[in-house]
Amino acid sequence: MFGAAPPAPSPAERAAARLQVRQTFRGLGFYIASLWSAPLVLYYVNQALGRHIA
């Protein structure tokens, strides 16, 4: 009763899963890049505005 293997995903389901993984990694990469670059952007904006950070 519970020993049967699940049905194989269809080509459309496999393509949708690949797209979802790609979008997830793209979003994660953007998030990491934002975390890395935000302090640099804030530093240079403060420098440009004349608010020098000690």
Protein backbone atom coordinates (compact mmCIF):
# COMPACT_ATOMS: atom_id res chain seq x y z
CA MET A 1 0.00 0.00 0.00
CA PHE A 2 2.70 2.53 0.96
CA GLY A 3 5.62 0.86 -0.84
CA ALA A 4 5.00 2.20 -4.32
CA ALA A 5 7.34 4.83 -5.71
CA PRO A 6 5.85 8.24 -6.40
CA PRO A 7 5.18 9.04 -10.04
CA ALA A 8 8.01 10.68 -11.95
CA PRO A 9 7.57 14.43 -12.46
CA SER A 10 6.48 15.57 -15.87
CA PRO A 11 8.85 17.62 -18.06
CA ALA A 12 6.82 20.74 -17.25
CA GLU A 13 7.16 20.09 -13.52
CA ARG A 14 10.91 19.55 -13.88
CA ALA A 15 11.25 22.80 -15.84
CA ALA A 16 9.22 24.67 -13.22
CA ALA A 17 11.39 23.24 -10.43
CA ARG A 18 14.58 24.29 -12.25
CA LEU A 19 13.20 27.79 -12.75
CA GLN A 20 12.25 28.03 -9.08
CA VAL A 21 15.74 26.94 -7.99
CA ARG A 22 17.34 29.44 -10.37
CA GLN A 23 15.17 32.28 -9.08
CA THR A 24 15.89 31.28 -5.48
CA PHE A 25 19.65 31.35 -6.02
CA ARG A 26 19.41 34.62 -7.94
CA GLY A 27 17.47 36.18 -5.06
CA LEU A 28 19.92 34.81 -2.51
CA GLY A 29 22.85 36.19 -4.49
CA PHE A 30 21.23 39.60 -4.72
CA TYR A 31 20.55 39.55 -0.96
CA ILE A 32 24.17 38.67 -0.15
CA ALA A 33 25.48 41.32 -2.55
CA SER A 34 23.17 43.88 -0.95
CA LEU A 35 24.39 43.00 2.54
CA TRP A 36 27.99 43.35 1.38
CA SER A 37 27.58 46.58 -0.55
CA ALA A 38 25.16 48.52 1.68
CA PRO A 39 27.82 49.65 4.19
CA LEU A 40 30.05 50.83 1.33
CA VAL A 41 27.22 52.79 -0.24
CA LEU A 42 26.30 54.38 3.08
CA TYR A 43 29.94 55.26 3.76
CA TYR A 44 30.40 57.03 0.43
CA VAL A 45 27.04 58.79 0.65
CA ASN A 46 28.01 60.10 4.08
CA GLN A 47 31.37 61.22 2.69
CA ALA A 48 29.68 63.00 -0.19
CA LEU A 49 27.27 64.76 2.15
CA GLY A 50 30.10 65.87 4.41
CA ARG A 51 29.07 63.72 7.36
CA HIS A 52 32.41 62.11 8.05
CA ILE A 53 32.28 59.01 10.18
CA ALA A 54 34.99 58.83 12.86
